[in-house]
mmCIF file of all heavy atoms, coordinates in Angstrom:
data_MODEL
# 
_entry.id   MODEL 
# 
loop_
_atom_site.group_PDB 
_atom_site.id 
_atom_site.type_symbol 
_atom_site.label_atom_id 
_atom_site.label_alt_id 
_atom_site.label_comp_id 
_atom_site.label_asym_id 
_atom_site.label_entity_id 
_atom_site.label_seq_id 
_atom_site.pdbx_PDB_ins_code 
_atom_site.Cartn_x 
_atom_site.Cartn_y 
_atom_site.Cartn_z 
_atom_site.occupancy 
_atom_site.B_iso_or_equiv 
_atom_site.pdbx_formal_charge 
_atom_site.auth_seq_id 
_atom_site.auth_comp_id 
_atom_site.auth_asym_id 
_atom_site.auth_atom_id 
_atom_site.pdbx_PDB_model_num 
ATOM 1   N N   . GLY A 1 1  ? 0.795  -1.211  -0.006  1.00 0.00 ? 1  GLY A N   1 
ATOM 2   C CA  . GLY A 1 1  ? -0.004 0.011   0.000   1.00 0.00 ? 1  GLY A CA  1 
ATOM 3   C C   . GLY A 1 1  ? 0.786  1.267   0.008   1.00 0.00 ? 1  GLY A C   1 
ATOM 4   O O   . GLY A 1 1  ? 0.286  2.369   0.125   1.00 0.00 ? 1  GLY A O   1 
ATOM 5   N N   . PHE A 1 2  ? 2.133  1.132   -0.170  1.00 0.00 ? 2  PHE A N   1 
ATOM 6   C CA  . PHE A 1 2  ? 2.997  2.284   -0.256  1.00 0.00 ? 2  PHE A CA  1 
ATOM 7   C C   . PHE A 1 2  ? 2.917  2.862   -1.711  1.00 0.00 ? 2  PHE A C   1 
ATOM 8   O O   . PHE A 1 2  ? 2.757  2.091   -2.672  1.00 0.00 ? 2  PHE A O   1 
ATOM 9   C CB  . PHE A 1 2  ? 4.428  1.985   0.038   1.00 0.00 ? 2  PHE A CB  1 
ATOM 10  C CG  . PHE A 1 2  ? 4.769  1.915   1.511   1.00 0.00 ? 2  PHE A CG  1 
ATOM 11  C CD1 . PHE A 1 2  ? 4.769  0.684   2.158   1.00 0.00 ? 2  PHE A CD1 1 
ATOM 12  C CD2 . PHE A 1 2  ? 5.087  3.044   2.187   1.00 0.00 ? 2  PHE A CD2 1 
ATOM 13  C CE1 . PHE A 1 2  ? 5.055  0.573   3.496   1.00 0.00 ? 2  PHE A CE1 1 
ATOM 14  C CE2 . PHE A 1 2  ? 5.410  2.972   3.573   1.00 0.00 ? 2  PHE A CE2 1 
ATOM 15  C CZ  . PHE A 1 2  ? 5.337  1.718   4.236   1.00 0.00 ? 2  PHE A CZ  1 
ATOM 16  N N   . GLU A 1 3  ? 3.042  4.159   -1.831  1.00 0.00 ? 3  GLU A N   1 
ATOM 17  C CA  . GLU A 1 3  ? 3.185  4.780   -3.165  1.00 0.00 ? 3  GLU A CA  1 
ATOM 18  C C   . GLU A 1 3  ? 4.607  5.202   -3.331  1.00 0.00 ? 3  GLU A C   1 
ATOM 19  O O   . GLU A 1 3  ? 5.160  5.941   -2.547  1.00 0.00 ? 3  GLU A O   1 
ATOM 20  C CB  . GLU A 1 3  ? 2.274  6.026   -3.267  1.00 0.00 ? 3  GLU A CB  1 
ATOM 21  C CG  . GLU A 1 3  ? 2.389  6.768   -4.556  1.00 0.00 ? 3  GLU A CG  1 
ATOM 22  C CD  . GLU A 1 3  ? 1.612  8.062   -4.574  1.00 0.00 ? 3  GLU A CD  1 
ATOM 23  O OE1 . GLU A 1 3  ? 0.788  8.281   -3.667  1.00 0.00 ? 3  GLU A OE1 1 
ATOM 24  O OE2 . GLU A 1 3  ? 1.856  8.866   -5.486  1.00 0.00 ? 3  GLU A OE2 1 
ATOM 25  N N   . LEU A 1 4  ? 5.231  4.676   -4.354  1.00 0.00 ? 4  LEU A N   1 
ATOM 26  C CA  . LEU A 1 4  ? 6.662  4.975   -4.602  1.00 0.00 ? 4  LEU A CA  1 
ATOM 27  C C   . LEU A 1 4  ? 6.780  6.429   -5.099  1.00 0.00 ? 4  LEU A C   1 
ATOM 28  O O   . LEU A 1 4  ? 6.154  6.798   -6.049  1.00 0.00 ? 4  LEU A O   1 
ATOM 29  C CB  . LEU A 1 4  ? 7.224  4.017   -5.633  1.00 0.00 ? 4  LEU A CB  1 
ATOM 30  C CG  . LEU A 1 4  ? 8.763  4.072   -5.747  1.00 0.00 ? 4  LEU A CG  1 
ATOM 31  C CD1 . LEU A 1 4  ? 9.419  3.429   -4.582  1.00 0.00 ? 4  LEU A CD1 1 
ATOM 32  C CD2 . LEU A 1 4  ? 9.217  3.414   -7.050  1.00 0.00 ? 4  LEU A CD2 1 
ATOM 33  N N   . ILE A 1 5  ? 7.700  7.110   -4.503  1.00 0.00 ? 5  ILE A N   1 
ATOM 34  C CA  . ILE A 1 5  ? 8.012  8.514   -4.944  1.00 0.00 ? 5  ILE A CA  1 
ATOM 35  C C   . ILE A 1 5  ? 9.174  8.457   -5.922  1.00 0.00 ? 5  ILE A C   1 
ATOM 36  O O   . ILE A 1 5  ? 9.109  8.991   -7.018  1.00 0.00 ? 5  ILE A O   1 
ATOM 37  C CB  . ILE A 1 5  ? 8.411  9.414   -3.754  1.00 0.00 ? 5  ILE A CB  1 
ATOM 38  C CG1 . ILE A 1 5  ? 7.190  9.605   -2.848  1.00 0.00 ? 5  ILE A CG1 1 
ATOM 39  C CG2 . ILE A 1 5  ? 8.911  10.786  -4.249  1.00 0.00 ? 5  ILE A CG2 1 
ATOM 40  C CD1 . ILE A 1 5  ? 7.537  10.406  -1.606  1.00 0.00 ? 5  ILE A CD1 1 
ATOM 41  N N   . THR A 1 6  ? 10.197 7.738   -5.552  1.00 0.00 ? 6  THR A N   1 
ATOM 42  C CA  . THR A 1 6  ? 11.379 7.611   -6.470  1.00 0.00 ? 6  THR A CA  1 
ATOM 43  C C   . THR A 1 6  ? 12.267 6.481   -6.005  1.00 0.00 ? 6  THR A C   1 
ATOM 44  O O   . THR A 1 6  ? 12.257 6.074   -4.832  1.00 0.00 ? 6  THR A O   1 
ATOM 45  C CB  . THR A 1 6  ? 12.152 8.910   -6.527  1.00 0.00 ? 6  THR A CB  1 
ATOM 46  O OG1 . THR A 1 6  ? 13.122 8.811   -7.583  1.00 0.00 ? 6  THR A OG1 1 
ATOM 47  C CG2 . THR A 1 6  ? 12.884 9.204   -5.243  1.00 0.00 ? 6  THR A CG2 1 
ATOM 48  N N   . SER A 1 7  ? 13.106 5.971   -6.928  1.00 0.00 ? 7  SER A N   1 
ATOM 49  C CA  . SER A 1 7  ? 14.139 4.989   -6.574  1.00 0.00 ? 7  SER A CA  1 
ATOM 50  C C   . SER A 1 7  ? 15.202 5.060   -7.664  1.00 0.00 ? 7  SER A C   1 
ATOM 51  O O   . SER A 1 7  ? 14.852 5.091   -8.823  1.00 0.00 ? 7  SER A O   1 
ATOM 52  C CB  . SER A 1 7  ? 13.563 3.592   -6.466  1.00 0.00 ? 7  SER A CB  1 
ATOM 53  O OG  . SER A 1 7  ? 13.017 3.155   -7.702  1.00 0.00 ? 7  SER A OG  1 
ATOM 54  N N   . TYR A 1 8  ? 16.409 5.075   -7.236  1.00 0.00 ? 8  TYR A N   1 
ATOM 55  C CA  . TYR A 1 8  ? 17.541 5.166   -8.208  1.00 0.00 ? 8  TYR A CA  1 
ATOM 56  C C   . TYR A 1 8  ? 18.862 4.862   -7.503  1.00 0.00 ? 8  TYR A C   1 
ATOM 57  O O   . TYR A 1 8  ? 18.989 4.949   -6.272  1.00 0.00 ? 8  TYR A O   1 
ATOM 58  C CB  . TYR A 1 8  ? 17.588 6.533   -8.884  1.00 0.00 ? 8  TYR A CB  1 
ATOM 59  C CG  . TYR A 1 8  ? 17.674 7.670   -7.913  1.00 0.00 ? 8  TYR A CG  1 
ATOM 60  C CD1 . TYR A 1 8  ? 18.923 8.205   -7.473  1.00 0.00 ? 8  TYR A CD1 1 
ATOM 61  C CD2 . TYR A 1 8  ? 16.531 8.290   -7.416  1.00 0.00 ? 8  TYR A CD2 1 
ATOM 62  C CE1 . TYR A 1 8  ? 18.988 9.269   -6.609  1.00 0.00 ? 8  TYR A CE1 1 
ATOM 63  C CE2 . TYR A 1 8  ? 16.550 9.378   -6.554  1.00 0.00 ? 8  TYR A CE2 1 
ATOM 64  C CZ  . TYR A 1 8  ? 17.836 9.873   -6.110  1.00 0.00 ? 8  TYR A CZ  1 
ATOM 65  O OH  . TYR A 1 8  ? 17.906 10.908  -5.263  1.00 0.00 ? 8  TYR A OH  1 
ATOM 66  N N   . VAL A 1 9  ? 19.886 4.549   -8.259  1.00 0.00 ? 9  VAL A N   1 
ATOM 67  C CA  . VAL A 1 9  ? 21.228 4.329   -7.729  1.00 0.00 ? 9  VAL A CA  1 
ATOM 68  C C   . VAL A 1 9  ? 21.847 5.753   -7.525  1.00 0.00 ? 9  VAL A C   1 
ATOM 69  O O   . VAL A 1 9  ? 21.835 6.571   -8.442  1.00 0.00 ? 9  VAL A O   1 
ATOM 70  C CB  . VAL A 1 9  ? 22.088 3.499   -8.698  1.00 0.00 ? 9  VAL A CB  1 
ATOM 71  C CG1 . VAL A 1 9  ? 23.557 3.494   -8.262  1.00 0.00 ? 9  VAL A CG1 1 
ATOM 72  C CG2 . VAL A 1 9  ? 21.536 2.076   -8.801  1.00 0.00 ? 9  VAL A CG2 1 
ATOM 73  N N   . TYR A 1 10 ? 22.363 5.953   -6.332  1.00 0.00 ? 10 TYR A N   1 
ATOM 74  C CA  . TYR A 1 10 ? 22.938 7.284   -6.056  1.00 0.00 ? 10 TYR A CA  1 
ATOM 75  C C   . TYR A 1 10 ? 24.394 7.234   -5.649  1.00 0.00 ? 10 TYR A C   1 
ATOM 76  O O   . TYR A 1 10 ? 25.063 8.271   -5.496  1.00 0.00 ? 10 TYR A O   1 
ATOM 77  C CB  . TYR A 1 10 ? 22.116 7.953   -4.895  1.00 0.00 ? 10 TYR A CB  1 
ATOM 78  C CG  . TYR A 1 10 ? 22.364 7.320   -3.556  1.00 0.00 ? 10 TYR A CG  1 
ATOM 79  C CD1 . TYR A 1 10 ? 23.256 7.891   -2.629  1.00 0.00 ? 10 TYR A CD1 1 
ATOM 80  C CD2 . TYR A 1 10 ? 21.682 6.137   -3.192  1.00 0.00 ? 10 TYR A CD2 1 
ATOM 81  C CE1 . TYR A 1 10 ? 23.461 7.339   -1.408  1.00 0.00 ? 10 TYR A CE1 1 
ATOM 82  C CE2 . TYR A 1 10 ? 21.868 5.577   -1.917  1.00 0.00 ? 10 TYR A CE2 1 
ATOM 83  C CZ  . TYR A 1 10 ? 22.749 6.155   -1.033  1.00 0.00 ? 10 TYR A CZ  1 
ATOM 84  O OH  . TYR A 1 10 ? 22.967 5.606   0.194   1.00 0.00 ? 10 TYR A OH  1 
ATOM 85  N N   . ASN A 1 11 ? 24.940 6.028   -5.428  1.00 0.00 ? 11 ASN A N   1 
ATOM 86  C CA  . ASN A 1 11 ? 26.321 5.973   -4.931  1.00 0.00 ? 11 ASN A CA  1 
ATOM 87  C C   . ASN A 1 11 ? 26.940 4.566   -5.364  1.00 0.00 ? 11 ASN A C   1 
ATOM 88  O O   . ASN A 1 11 ? 26.241 3.633   -5.497  1.00 0.00 ? 11 ASN A O   1 
ATOM 89  C CB  . ASN A 1 11 ? 26.332 6.008   -3.461  1.00 0.00 ? 11 ASN A CB  1 
ATOM 90  C CG  . ASN A 1 11 ? 27.754 6.091   -2.891  1.00 0.00 ? 11 ASN A CG  1 
ATOM 91  O OD1 . ASN A 1 11 ? 28.636 6.806   -3.407  1.00 0.00 ? 11 ASN A OD1 1 
ATOM 92  N ND2 . ASN A 1 11 ? 28.029 5.398   -1.793  1.00 0.00 ? 11 ASN A ND2 1 
ATOM 93  N N   . THR A 1 12 ? 28.202 4.627   -5.639  1.00 0.00 ? 12 THR A N   1 
ATOM 94  C CA  . THR A 1 12 ? 28.963 3.425   -5.987  1.00 0.00 ? 12 THR A CA  1 
ATOM 95  C C   . THR A 1 12 ? 30.163 3.307   -5.013  1.00 0.00 ? 12 THR A C   1 
ATOM 96  O O   . THR A 1 12 ? 30.909 4.249   -4.899  1.00 0.00 ? 12 THR A O   1 
ATOM 97  C CB  . THR A 1 12 ? 29.469 3.427   -7.397  1.00 0.00 ? 12 THR A CB  1 
ATOM 98  O OG1 . THR A 1 12 ? 28.317 3.504   -8.303  1.00 0.00 ? 12 THR A OG1 1 
ATOM 99  C CG2 . THR A 1 12 ? 30.254 2.162   -7.715  1.00 0.00 ? 12 THR A CG2 1 
ATOM 100 N N   . MET A 1 13 ? 30.221 2.186   -4.314  1.00 0.00 ? 13 MET A N   1 
ATOM 101 C CA  . MET A 1 13 ? 31.329 1.922   -3.402  1.00 0.00 ? 13 MET A CA  1 
ATOM 102 C C   . MET A 1 13 ? 32.337 0.968   -4.047  1.00 0.00 ? 13 MET A C   1 
ATOM 103 O O   . MET A 1 13 ? 31.963 0.125   -4.837  1.00 0.00 ? 13 MET A O   1 
ATOM 104 C CB  . MET A 1 13 ? 30.822 1.259   -2.112  1.00 0.00 ? 13 MET A CB  1 
ATOM 105 C CG  . MET A 1 13 ? 29.882 2.120   -1.329  1.00 0.00 ? 13 MET A CG  1 
ATOM 106 S SD  . MET A 1 13 ? 29.287 1.252   0.162   1.00 0.00 ? 13 MET A SD  1 
ATOM 107 C CE  . MET A 1 13 ? 28.161 0.069   -0.595  1.00 0.00 ? 13 MET A CE  1 
ATOM 108 N N   . VAL A 1 14 ? 33.579 1.173   -3.741  1.00 0.00 ? 14 VAL A N   1 
ATOM 109 C CA  . VAL A 1 14 ? 34.680 0.345   -4.265  1.00 0.00 ? 14 VAL A CA  1 
ATOM 110 C C   . VAL A 1 14 ? 35.326 -0.411  -3.126  1.00 0.00 ? 14 VAL A C   1 
ATOM 111 O O   . VAL A 1 14 ? 35.754 0.227   -2.105  1.00 0.00 ? 14 VAL A O   1 
ATOM 112 C CB  . VAL A 1 14 ? 35.712 1.160   -5.031  1.00 0.00 ? 14 VAL A CB  1 
ATOM 113 C CG1 . VAL A 1 14 ? 36.833 0.258   -5.510  1.00 0.00 ? 14 VAL A CG1 1 
ATOM 114 C CG2 . VAL A 1 14 ? 35.060 1.922   -6.175  1.00 0.00 ? 14 VAL A CG2 1 
ATOM 115 N N   . LYS A 1 15 ? 35.329 -1.727  -3.256  1.00 0.00 ? 15 LYS A N   1 
ATOM 116 C CA  . LYS A 1 15 ? 36.064 -2.572  -2.249  1.00 0.00 ? 15 LYS A CA  1 
ATOM 117 C C   . LYS A 1 15 ? 36.974 -3.497  -3.026  1.00 0.00 ? 15 LYS A C   1 
ATOM 118 O O   . LYS A 1 15 ? 36.519 -4.362  -3.786  1.00 0.00 ? 15 LYS A O   1 
ATOM 119 C CB  . LYS A 1 15 ? 35.064 -3.366  -1.411  1.00 0.00 ? 15 LYS A CB  1 
ATOM 120 C CG  . LYS A 1 15 ? 34.189 -2.556  -0.490  1.00 0.00 ? 15 LYS A CG  1 
ATOM 121 C CD  . LYS A 1 15 ? 33.250 -3.480  0.319   1.00 0.00 ? 15 LYS A CD  1 
ATOM 122 C CE  . LYS A 1 15 ? 33.942 -4.396  1.312   1.00 0.00 ? 15 LYS A CE  1 
ATOM 123 N NZ  . LYS A 1 15 ? 33.005 -5.147  2.119   1.00 0.00 ? 15 LYS A NZ  1 
ATOM 124 N N   . GLY A 1 16 ? 38.273 -3.246  -2.896  1.00 0.00 ? 16 GLY A N   1 
ATOM 125 C CA  . GLY A 1 16 ? 39.220 -4.023  -3.673  1.00 0.00 ? 16 GLY A CA  1 
ATOM 126 C C   . GLY A 1 16 ? 39.067 -3.741  -5.140  1.00 0.00 ? 16 GLY A C   1 
ATOM 127 O O   . GLY A 1 16 ? 39.074 -2.579  -5.598  1.00 0.00 ? 16 GLY A O   1 
ATOM 128 N N   . ASP A 1 17 ? 38.855 -4.792  -5.924  1.00 0.00 ? 17 ASP A N   1 
ATOM 129 C CA  . ASP A 1 17 ? 38.651 -4.578  -7.392  1.00 0.00 ? 17 ASP A CA  1 
ATOM 130 C C   . ASP A 1 17 ? 37.198 -4.667  -7.800  1.00 0.00 ? 17 ASP A C   1 
ATOM 131 O O   . ASP A 1 17 ? 36.896 -4.797  -8.984  1.00 0.00 ? 17 ASP A O   1 
ATOM 132 C CB  . ASP A 1 17 ? 39.502 -5.610  -8.136  1.00 0.00 ? 17 ASP A CB  1 
ATOM 133 C CG  . ASP A 1 17 ? 39.044 -7.051  -7.816  1.00 0.00 ? 17 ASP A CG  1 
ATOM 134 O OD1 . ASP A 1 17 ? 38.265 -7.235  -6.866  1.00 0.00 ? 17 ASP A OD1 1 
ATOM 135 O OD2 . ASP A 1 17 ? 39.469 -7.971  -8.524  1.00 0.00 ? 17 ASP A OD2 1 
ATOM 136 N N   . LYS A 1 18 ? 36.293 -4.557  -6.833  1.00 0.00 ? 18 LYS A N   1 
ATOM 137 C CA  . LYS A 1 18 ? 34.869 -4.658  -7.130  1.00 0.00 ? 18 LYS A CA  1 
ATOM 138 C C   . LYS A 1 18 ? 34.104 -3.385  -6.793  1.00 0.00 ? 18 LYS A C   1 
ATOM 139 O O   . LYS A 1 18 ? 34.522 -2.634  -5.829  1.00 0.00 ? 18 LYS A O   1 
ATOM 140 C CB  . LYS A 1 18 ? 34.257 -5.825  -6.375  1.00 0.00 ? 18 LYS A CB  1 
ATOM 141 C CG  . LYS A 1 18 ? 34.810 -7.213  -6.808  1.00 0.00 ? 18 LYS A CG  1 
ATOM 142 C CD  . LYS A 1 18 ? 33.842 -8.298  -6.516  1.00 0.00 ? 18 LYS A CD  1 
ATOM 143 C CE  . LYS A 1 18 ? 34.319 -9.586  -7.118  1.00 0.00 ? 18 LYS A CE  1 
ATOM 144 N NZ  . LYS A 1 18 ? 33.327 -10.663 -7.065  1.00 0.00 ? 18 LYS A NZ  1 
ATOM 145 N N   . LYS A 1 19 ? 33.063 -3.135  -7.521  1.00 0.00 ? 19 LYS A N   1 
ATOM 146 C CA  . LYS A 1 19 ? 32.156 -2.016  -7.298  1.00 0.00 ? 19 LYS A CA  1 
ATOM 147 C C   . LYS A 1 19 ? 30.789 -2.477  -6.871  1.00 0.00 ? 19 LYS A C   1 
ATOM 148 O O   . LYS A 1 19 ? 30.296 -3.471  -7.385  1.00 0.00 ? 19 LYS A O   1 
ATOM 149 C CB  . LYS A 1 19 ? 32.086 -1.166  -8.542  1.00 0.00 ? 19 LYS A CB  1 
ATOM 150 C CG  . LYS A 1 19 ? 33.430 -0.464  -8.957  1.00 0.00 ? 19 LYS A CG  1 
ATOM 151 C CD  . LYS A 1 19 ? 33.225 0.372   -10.204 1.00 0.00 ? 19 LYS A CD  1 
ATOM 152 C CE  . LYS A 1 19 ? 34.573 1.034   -10.553 1.00 0.00 ? 19 LYS A CE  1 
ATOM 153 N NZ  . LYS A 1 19 ? 34.359 1.910   -11.753 1.00 0.00 ? 19 LYS A NZ  1 
ATOM 154 N N   . TYR A 1 20 ? 30.194 -1.695  -5.956  1.00 0.00 ? 20 TYR A N   1 
ATOM 155 C CA  . TYR A 1 20 ? 28.868 -2.068  -5.426  1.00 0.00 ? 20 TYR A CA  1 
ATOM 156 C C   . TYR A 1 20 ? 27.988 -0.786  -5.440  1.00 0.00 ? 20 TYR A C   1 
ATOM 157 O O   . TYR A 1 20 ? 28.383 0.204   -4.895  1.00 0.00 ? 20 TYR A O   1 
ATOM 158 C CB  . TYR A 1 20 ? 28.942 -2.614  -3.992  1.00 0.00 ? 20 TYR A CB  1 
ATOM 159 C CG  . TYR A 1 20 ? 29.907 -3.786  -3.867  1.00 0.00 ? 20 TYR A CG  1 
ATOM 160 C CD1 . TYR A 1 20 ? 31.243 -3.572  -3.551  1.00 0.00 ? 20 TYR A CD1 1 
ATOM 161 C CD2 . TYR A 1 20 ? 29.442 -5.075  -4.051  1.00 0.00 ? 20 TYR A CD2 1 
ATOM 162 C CE1 . TYR A 1 20 ? 32.087 -4.670  -3.425  1.00 0.00 ? 20 TYR A CE1 1 
ATOM 163 C CE2 . TYR A 1 20 ? 30.310 -6.173  -3.917  1.00 0.00 ? 20 TYR A CE2 1 
ATOM 164 C CZ  . TYR A 1 20 ? 31.628 -5.929  -3.614  1.00 0.00 ? 20 TYR A CZ  1 
ATOM 165 O OH  . TYR A 1 20 ? 32.483 -7.035  -3.487  1.00 0.00 ? 20 TYR A OH  1 
ATOM 166 N N   . ASP A 1 21 ? 26.852 -0.905  -6.099  1.00 0.00 ? 21 ASP A N   1 
ATOM 167 C CA  . ASP A 1 21 ? 25.919 0.213   -6.170  1.00 0.00 ? 21 ASP A CA  1 
ATOM 168 C C   . ASP A 1 21 ? 24.987 0.249   -5.005  1.00 0.00 ? 21 ASP A C   1 
ATOM 169 O O   . ASP A 1 21 ? 24.501 -0.801  -4.541  1.00 0.00 ? 21 ASP A O   1 
ATOM 170 C CB  . ASP A 1 21 ? 25.144 0.162   -7.464  1.00 0.00 ? 21 ASP A CB  1 
ATOM 171 C CG  . ASP A 1 21 ? 25.946 0.465   -8.700  1.00 0.00 ? 21 ASP A CG  1 
ATOM 172 O OD1 . ASP A 1 21 ? 26.995 1.147   -8.602  1.00 0.00 ? 21 ASP A OD1 1 
ATOM 173 O OD2 . ASP A 1 21 ? 25.559 -0.011  -9.815  1.00 0.00 ? 21 ASP A OD2 1 
ATOM 174 N N   . GLN A 1 22 ? 24.727 1.460   -4.523  1.00 0.00 ? 22 GLN A N   1 
ATOM 175 C CA  . GLN A 1 22 ? 23.719 1.712   -3.491  1.00 0.00 ? 22 GLN A CA  1 
ATOM 176 C C   . GLN A 1 22 ? 22.508 2.460   -4.130  1.00 0.00 ? 22 GLN A C   1 
ATOM 177 O O   . GLN A 1 22 ? 22.734 3.391   -4.878  1.00 0.00 ? 22 GLN A O   1 
ATOM 178 C CB  . GLN A 1 22 ? 24.289 2.520   -2.352  1.00 0.00 ? 22 GLN A CB  1 
ATOM 179 C CG  . GLN A 1 22 ? 25.205 1.748   -1.425  1.00 0.00 ? 22 GLN A CG  1 
ATOM 180 C CD  . GLN A 1 22 ? 25.735 2.621   -0.325  1.00 0.00 ? 22 GLN A CD  1 
ATOM 181 O OE1 . GLN A 1 22 ? 26.409 3.644   -0.579  1.00 0.00 ? 22 GLN A OE1 1 
ATOM 182 N NE2 . GLN A 1 22 ? 25.443 2.289   0.869   1.00 0.00 ? 22 GLN A NE2 1 
ATOM 183 N N   . PHE A 1 23 ? 21.339 2.018   -3.762  1.00 0.00 ? 23 PHE A N   1 
ATOM 184 C CA  . PHE A 1 23 ? 20.149 2.740   -4.271  1.00 0.00 ? 23 PHE A CA  1 
ATOM 185 C C   . PHE A 1 23 ? 19.451 3.405   -3.079  1.00 0.00 ? 23 PHE A C   1 
ATOM 186 O O   . PHE A 1 23 ? 19.629 3.069   -1.914  1.00 0.00 ? 23 PHE A O   1 
ATOM 187 C CB  . PHE A 1 23 ? 19.164 1.765   -4.940  1.00 0.00 ? 23 PHE A CB  1 
ATOM 188 C CG  . PHE A 1 23 ? 18.551 0.766   -4.007  1.00 0.00 ? 23 PHE A CG  1 
ATOM 189 C CD1 . PHE A 1 23 ? 17.375 1.042   -3.312  1.00 0.00 ? 23 PHE A CD1 1 
ATOM 190 C CD2 . PHE A 1 23 ? 19.140 -0.472  -3.787  1.00 0.00 ? 23 PHE A CD2 1 
ATOM 191 C CE1 . PHE A 1 23 ? 16.798 0.130   -2.464  1.00 0.00 ? 23 PHE A CE1 1 
ATOM 192 C CE2 . PHE A 1 23 ? 18.581 -1.428  -2.916  1.00 0.00 ? 23 PHE A CE2 1 
ATOM 193 C CZ  . PHE A 1 23 ? 17.410 -1.118  -2.269  1.00 0.00 ? 23 PHE A CZ  1 
ATOM 194 N N   . ILE A 1 24 ? 18.616 4.381   -3.391  1.00 0.00 ? 24 ILE A N   1 
ATOM 195 C CA  . ILE A 1 24 ? 17.723 5.018   -2.468  1.00 0.00 ? 24 ILE A CA  1 
ATOM 196 C C   . ILE A 1 24 ? 16.313 4.771   -2.939  1.00 0.00 ? 24 ILE A C   1 
ATOM 197 O O   . ILE A 1 24 ? 16.068 4.831   -4.156  1.00 0.00 ? 24 ILE A O   1 
ATOM 198 C CB  . ILE A 1 24 ? 18.011 6.476   -2.206  1.00 0.00 ? 24 ILE A CB  1 
ATOM 199 C CG1 . ILE A 1 24 ? 17.156 7.065   -1.041  1.00 0.00 ? 24 ILE A CG1 1 
ATOM 200 C CG2 . ILE A 1 24 ? 17.757 7.311   -3.464  1.00 0.00 ? 24 ILE A CG2 1 
ATOM 201 C CD1 . ILE A 1 24 ? 17.635 8.397   -0.561  1.00 0.00 ? 24 ILE A CD1 1 
ATOM 202 N N   . MET A 1 25 ? 15.399 4.456   -2.074  1.00 0.00 ? 25 MET A N   1 
ATOM 203 C CA  . MET A 1 25 ? 14.011 4.259   -2.430  1.00 0.00 ? 25 MET A CA  1 
ATOM 204 C C   . MET A 1 25 ? 13.155 5.017   -1.432  1.00 0.00 ? 25 MET A C   1 
ATOM 205 O O   . MET A 1 25 ? 13.314 4.803   -0.217  1.00 0.00 ? 25 MET A O   1 
ATOM 206 C CB  . MET A 1 25 ? 13.659 2.739   -2.433  1.00 0.00 ? 25 MET A CB  1 
ATOM 207 C CG  . MET A 1 25 ? 12.290 2.404   -2.904  1.00 0.00 ? 25 MET A CG  1 
ATOM 208 S SD  . MET A 1 25 ? 12.034 0.614   -3.187  1.00 0.00 ? 25 MET A SD  1 
ATOM 209 C CE  . MET A 1 25 ? 13.087 0.273   -4.585  1.00 0.00 ? 25 MET A CE  1 
# 
């Protein structure tokens, strides 16, 4: 029953040789 306002990737973290995306919803 929630109404979504927005969601998107806003940050990318780097650990070693890998990248991980963070989203906000």
